[in-house]
Protein backbone atom coordinates (compact mmCIF):
# COMPACT_ATOMS: atom_id res chain seq x y z
CA PRO A 1 0.00 0.00 0.00
CA ILE A 2 1.25 3.45 -0.96
CA ILE A 3 -0.15 6.66 0.58
CA CYS A 4 0.81 9.99 -0.96
CA VAL A 5 0.71 13.29 0.97
CA GLY A 6 0.92 16.33 -1.28
CA ASN A 7 -0.54 19.61 -2.44
CA LEU A 8 -1.37 21.60 -5.55
CA SER A 9 0.51 24.69 -4.37
CA VAL A 10 4.14 25.49 -3.61
CA GLY A 11 5.05 24.64 0.02
CA GLY A 12 3.70 25.61 3.40
CA THR A 13 0.61 23.40 3.61
CA GLY A 14 1.81 21.20 6.48
CA LYS A 15 2.95 18.01 4.75
CA SER A 16 5.62 17.19 7.34
CA PRO A 17 3.25 17.26 10.35
CA MET A 18 0.84 15.05 8.38
CA ILE A 19 3.58 12.53 7.56
CA GLU A 20 4.44 12.48 11.27
CA TYR A 21 0.76 12.04 12.15
CA LEU A 22 0.59 8.99 9.86
CA LEU A 23 3.85 7.60 11.26
CA ASN A 24 2.39 7.84 14.74
CA LEU A 25 -0.94 6.36 13.66
CA LEU A 26 0.81 3.41 12.01
CA LYS A 27 3.59 2.97 14.58
CA THR A 28 2.74 -0.70 15.13
CA GLU A 29 3.30 -1.35 11.39
CA LYS A 30 6.54 -1.54 9.44
CA VAL A 31 6.35 1.87 7.77
CA ALA A 32 8.61 3.41 5.13
CA VAL A 33 8.72 7.06 4.07
CA LEU A 34 10.11 8.31 0.78
CA SER A 35 11.02 11.98 0.40
CA ARG A 36 12.93 13.93 -2.19
CA GLY A 37 15.34 15.26 0.42
CA TYR A 38 15.10 18.89 -0.69
CA LYS A 39 18.44 20.78 -0.87
CA ARG A 40 20.52 17.73 0.11
CA LYS A 41 23.94 17.41 -1.53
CA SER A 42 23.80 13.63 -1.97
CA THR A 43 22.30 11.99 -5.05
CA GLY A 44 20.23 8.93 -5.81
CA PHE A 45 18.63 6.63 -3.26
CA GLN A 46 19.78 7.09 0.34
CA LEU A 47 18.55 5.48 3.54
CA VAL A 48 18.41 8.06 6.34
CA ALA A 49 20.16 7.41 9.66
CA VAL A 50 19.55 9.26 12.94
CA ASN A 51 23.03 10.81 12.92
CA ASP A 52 23.09 11.79 9.25
CA SER A 53 23.96 15.32 8.22
CA VAL A 54 21.30 17.52 6.62
CA LEU A 55 23.52 17.73 3.54
CA LYS A 56 23.16 13.98 3.05
CA SER A 57 19.48 13.46 3.79
CA GLY A 58 17.66 16.82 3.94
CA ASP A 59 16.09 18.40 7.02
CA GLU A 60 12.59 16.89 6.98
CA PRO A 61 13.65 13.24 6.36
CA LEU A 62 16.20 13.62 9.16
CA GLN A 63 13.46 14.97 11.43
CA PHE A 64 11.25 11.96 10.62
CA LYS A 65 14.07 9.52 11.41
CA ASN A 66 14.93 11.18 14.71
CA LYS A 67 11.31 11.13 15.88
CA PHE A 68 10.50 7.67 14.51
CA PRO A 69 13.79 5.72 14.52
CA ARG A 70 12.04 2.40 13.86
CA ALA A 71 10.60 3.66 10.56
CA ILE A 72 12.47 3.20 7.29
CA ILE A 73 13.16 6.71 5.97
CA ALA A 74 14.69 7.20 2.54
CA VAL A 75 15.30 9.93 -0.02
CA ASP A 76 15.29 9.70 -3.79
CA ALA A 77 14.33 12.30 -6.40
CA ASN A 78 13.28 9.40 -8.64
CA ARG A 79 10.18 8.22 -6.82
CA GLN A 80 9.76 5.09 -8.96
CA HIS A 81 13.29 3.97 -8.17
CA GLY A 82 12.92 4.89 -4.50
CA ILE A 83 9.74 2.84 -4.14
CA ALA A 84 11.40 -0.16 -5.82
CA GLU A 85 14.33 0.09 -3.36
CA LEU A 86 12.02 0.41 -0.34
CA GLN A 87 9.97 -2.61 -1.41
CA LYS A 88 13.08 -4.73 -0.82
CA PHE A 89 12.50 -4.12 2.92
CA SER A 90 8.90 -5.44 2.68
CA PRO A 91 7.22 -2.52 4.48
CA ALA A 92 3.55 -2.77 5.41
CA VAL A 93 2.98 0.67 3.87
CA ILE A 94 4.99 3.35 2.06
CA LEU A 95 4.29 7.04 2.71
CA LEU A 96 5.23 9.40 -0.12
CA ASP A 97 6.14 12.90 1.02
CA ASP A 98 5.20 15.54 -1.59
CA ALA A 99 4.62 13.32 -4.62
CA PHE A 100 1.14 14.41 -5.73
CA GLN A 101 2.52 15.66 -9.09
CA HIS A 102 4.56 12.52 -9.85
CA ARG A 103 2.30 10.91 -12.45
CA LYS A 104 4.62 7.93 -12.98
CA VAL A 105 3.96 6.93 -9.37
CA GLN A 106 0.60 5.27 -8.77
CA ALA A 107 -0.22 5.78 -5.10
CA GLY A 108 -3.22 3.79 -3.96
CA PHE A 109 -4.39 6.56 -1.62
CA GLN A 110 -3.91 10.30 -2.12
CA ILE A 111 -4.15 12.94 0.63
CA LEU A 112 -4.27 16.50 -0.72
CA LEU A 113 -3.47 19.40 1.62
CA THR A 114 -4.61 23.00 1.20
CA ARG A 115 -4.13 25.88 3.65
CA TYR A 116 -7.20 27.47 5.23
CA ASP A 117 -5.96 30.97 4.39
CA GLU A 118 -4.68 30.02 0.90
CA LEU A 119 -7.22 27.57 -0.52
CA PHE A 120 -6.33 26.19 -3.95
CA THR A 121 -9.81 27.22 -5.10
CA LYS A 122 -8.74 30.87 -4.77
CA ASP A 123 -5.28 30.43 -6.28
CA LEU A 124 -3.80 30.67 -9.78
CA MET A 125 -1.15 28.75 -11.68
CA LEU A 126 2.49 29.81 -11.41
CA PRO A 127 3.77 32.46 -12.00
CA ALA A 128 0.52 34.39 -11.46
CA GLY A 129 -0.21 32.41 -8.28
CA ASN A 130 1.27 29.51 -6.31
CA LEU A 131 -0.34 26.48 -7.97
CA ARG A 132 1.97 23.82 -9.43
CA GLU A 133 -0.90 22.45 -11.51
CA SER A 134 -4.51 23.34 -12.27
CA ARG A 135 -7.21 23.11 -9.61
CA GLY A 136 -8.66 20.11 -11.47
CA GLY A 137 -5.81 18.03 -10.06
CA MET A 138 -7.80 17.81 -6.83
CA ARG A 139 -9.90 15.08 -8.46
CA ARG A 140 -7.03 12.61 -7.96
CA ALA A 141 -7.32 12.97 -4.17
CA ASP A 142 -9.15 10.53 -1.92
CA ILE A 143 -9.04 12.92 1.05
CA ILE A 144 -8.72 16.72 1.04
CA LEU A 145 -7.32 18.25 4.22
CA VAL A 146 -7.88 21.93 4.91
CA THR A 147 -4.86 22.65 7.12
CA LYS A 148 -3.77 25.35 9.59
CA CYS A 149 -7.36 26.25 10.43
CA PRO A 150 -8.13 28.45 13.46
CA SER A 151 -9.21 26.27 16.38
CA GLU A 152 -12.50 28.15 16.73
CA LEU A 153 -13.55 27.55 13.10
CA SER A 154 -17.36 27.39 12.99
CA GLN A 155 -19.44 24.61 11.49
CA GLU A 156 -20.96 27.15 9.12
CA LYS A 157 -17.53 28.19 7.81
CA MET A 158 -16.53 24.54 7.36
CA ARG A 159 -19.65 23.94 5.28
CA GLU A 160 -18.94 27.05 3.23
CA ILE A 161 -15.38 25.91 2.47
CA GLU A 162 -16.56 22.40 1.61
CA ARG A 163 -19.11 23.83 -0.85
CA GLU A 164 -16.34 25.91 -2.43
CA ILE A 165 -14.03 22.88 -2.78
CA ALA A 166 -16.96 20.89 -4.21
CA PRO A 167 -15.58 17.40 -3.51
CA ALA A 168 -16.64 14.45 -5.65
CA SER A 169 -18.76 11.70 -4.10
CA TYR A 170 -15.66 9.56 -3.46
CA GLN A 171 -13.80 12.39 -1.67
CA LYS A 172 -13.95 13.41 1.98
CA VAL A 173 -12.95 16.84 3.35
CA PHE A 174 -11.37 17.18 6.80
CA PHE A 175 -10.28 20.27 8.73
CA THR A 176 -7.11 20.40 10.83
CA GLY A 177 -5.23 22.96 12.89
CA ILE A 178 -1.78 23.22 14.43
CA GLU A 179 -1.24 22.25 18.04
CA TYR A 180 1.96 23.51 19.62
CA ASP A 181 3.74 21.53 22.30
CA SER A 182 3.68 22.86 25.85
CA SER A 183 7.45 22.27 26.09
CA VAL A 184 10.56 23.24 24.15
CA PHE A 185 13.49 20.89 23.60
CA ASN A 186 17.21 21.00 22.97
CA LYS A 187 19.73 18.20 22.38
CA GLN A 188 19.73 17.20 26.05
CA GLU A 189 16.56 18.24 27.85
CA SER A 190 13.12 19.80 27.73
CA MET A 191 11.63 22.83 29.42
CA LEU A 192 8.09 24.14 29.75
CA LEU A 193 7.46 26.77 27.08
CA GLN A 194 6.08 29.17 29.70
CA ASP A 195 9.33 28.87 31.66
CA PHE A 196 11.45 29.38 28.55
CA MET A 197 9.51 32.53 27.67
CA ARG A 198 10.18 34.25 30.99
CA LYS A 199 13.36 35.65 29.46
CA LYS A 200 13.87 37.37 26.12
CA PHE A 201 14.81 35.08 23.20
CA THR A 202 15.41 35.14 19.46
CA LEU A 203 13.06 33.25 17.13
CA VAL A 204 14.85 31.89 14.05
CA THR A 205 12.76 30.40 11.23
CA GLY A 206 13.58 29.00 7.81
CA ILE A 207 10.15 27.68 6.83
CA ALA A 208 7.60 28.61 4.17
CA LYS A 209 5.06 30.21 6.52
CA ALA A 210 6.21 31.41 9.95
CA THR A 211 3.14 33.55 10.69
CA PRO A 212 1.18 30.96 12.76
CA LEU A 213 4.19 30.37 15.04
CA VAL A 214 4.81 34.10 15.49
CA GLN A 215 1.12 34.63 16.31
CA HIS A 216 1.19 31.78 18.83
CA LEU A 217 4.20 33.21 20.65
CA ASN A 218 2.67 36.69 20.60
CA ARG A 219 -0.53 35.34 22.14
CA LEU A 220 1.60 33.98 24.97
CA SER A 221 3.15 37.45 25.42
CA GLY A 222 6.60 36.34 24.39
CA ASN A 223 9.40 38.91 24.34
CA PHE A 224 11.37 37.99 21.23
CA GLU A 225 13.07 39.17 18.07
CA HIS A 226 12.20 37.26 14.88
CA LEU A 227 14.91 36.49 12.32
CA GLU A 228 13.20 35.06 9.25
CA PHE A 229 14.95 33.12 6.48
CA GLY A 230 13.67 31.33 3.38
CA ASP A 231 12.27 27.80 3.41
CA HIS A 232 14.99 25.11 3.85
CA HIS A 233 17.55 27.92 4.17
CA ALA A 234 21.19 26.78 4.11
CA PHE A 235 22.83 28.87 6.82
CA SER A 236 26.21 30.29 5.87
CA GLU A 237 29.10 30.39 8.31
CA GLU A 238 28.73 34.17 8.53
CA GLU A 239 25.03 33.84 9.41
CA LEU A 240 25.80 31.18 12.01
CA LYS A 241 28.44 33.42 13.52
CA LYS A 242 25.90 36.22 13.91
CA LEU A 243 23.29 33.85 15.37
CA ARG A 244 25.77 32.65 17.99
CA THR A 245 25.79 36.18 19.44
CA HIS A 246 22.15 35.64 20.54
CA GLU A 247 21.91 34.23 24.05
CA ARG A 248 18.82 32.02 23.61
CA ILE A 249 17.36 30.85 20.31
CA LEU A 250 14.02 29.18 19.65
CA THR A 251 13.44 27.58 16.28
CA THR A 252 11.20 25.07 14.50
CA GLU A 253 11.89 21.36 14.60
CA LYS A 254 12.81 21.36 10.91
CA ASP A 255 15.26 24.23 11.35
CA PHE A 256 16.71 22.53 14.43
CA MET A 257 17.88 19.68 12.20
CA ARG A 258 20.01 22.17 10.24
CA LEU A 259 21.25 24.15 13.24
CA ARG A 260 21.73 21.57 16.01
CA ASN A 261 25.39 20.81 15.30
CA HIS A 262 26.41 24.47 15.24
CA PHE A 263 25.29 25.53 18.74
CA PRO A 264 25.76 24.36 22.33
CA ALA A 265 22.70 22.58 23.70
CA GLU A 266 21.77 25.32 26.18
CA GLN A 267 21.58 27.97 23.43
CA LEU A 268 19.29 26.34 20.86
CA TYR A 269 15.74 25.03 21.48
CA TYR A 270 12.88 23.97 19.22
CA LEU A 271 9.10 23.90 19.59
CA PRO A 272 7.37 20.82 18.13
CA ILE A 273 3.95 20.95 16.48
CA GLN A 274 1.38 18.33 15.63
CA VAL A 275 -1.81 18.01 13.61
CA LYS A 276 -5.09 18.53 15.43
CA PHE A 277 -8.34 17.43 13.80
CA LEU A 278 -11.33 19.73 14.22
CA ASN A 279 -14.96 18.73 14.60
CA ASP A 280 -14.08 15.41 16.34
CA ALA A 281 -13.20 14.00 12.92
CA GLN A 282 -9.97 12.24 13.88
CA PRO A 283 -11.49 8.73 14.34
CA GLU A 284 -13.11 8.90 10.89
CA PHE A 285 -9.84 9.95 9.25
CA ASP A 286 -7.86 7.27 11.10
CA GLN A 287 -10.35 4.62 10.07
CA SER A 288 -10.15 5.61 6.40
CA ILE A 289 -6.37 5.07 6.49
CA GLN A 290 -6.70 1.73 8.25
CA ASN A 291 -9.43 0.62 5.83
CA PHE A 292 -7.18 1.35 2.84
CA ILE A 293 -4.23 -0.56 4.31
CA ASN A 294 -6.37 -3.51 5.39
CA LYS A 295 -8.02 -3.66 1.96
CA LYS A 296 -4.62 -3.73 0.25
CA GLU A 297 -3.23 -6.36 2.62
CA THR A 298 -6.08 -8.77 1.97
CA ARG A 299 -5.67 -8.69 -1.81
């Protein structure tokens, strides 16, 4: 069984948290994940190890492996080849990270993500907008996830968005938000976020959309300076040197993978996030994933 997690637009929809959600849901299974390994310097098929460098495996695959060491995590720009290599390990299921546009790959189950504040229905094709392909591509999806929704999203607004998406009879729409951890972590220990925020800190982000995190920290009355870099930013030695002058740094889990070896433990912390289903829809979503896997396994 192959499950693809992807989007129609360029970045920032929350694919990594969804891959992690599926890894956690399927933790009793032998699960494999195949990513491209964006901005890595290695080529071809690579299995990811916990102690790999970001240059070898990419930041998100390395994050997956560190959080789920029992899972088989691999990178390969050639998804067909990567799947063939992973099948040698006889996984119960393969998760494809960001492969919705790879037509040569036939995933049995497609999960399409779209941001609440940047719905694909309101977007245009590149370069006029951020869509990689036309809106009609949504028809290939089995599930459409509206991500990064406000937690107080009303039933009426959900119905309005679902009408706008206009899913086919075989498609189901779910709504999810971001849930931030109550603790921050470094290489050695954890600390309650509220304790960490008692002193001024510097927020460093190299992700597609940092606004939700900034808003969350502002709601908690954090006293911080925000240094924002591009998605998957490769920090230069000069940039690292400047960052080391900041006493306490908070970053995202993805950025932590790129920064962790350049700072002492007590200087660099990260704040994990996870997917939160709205409208008590989590059991229905979970069951749809299990049904697909069970159906495939009995064939």
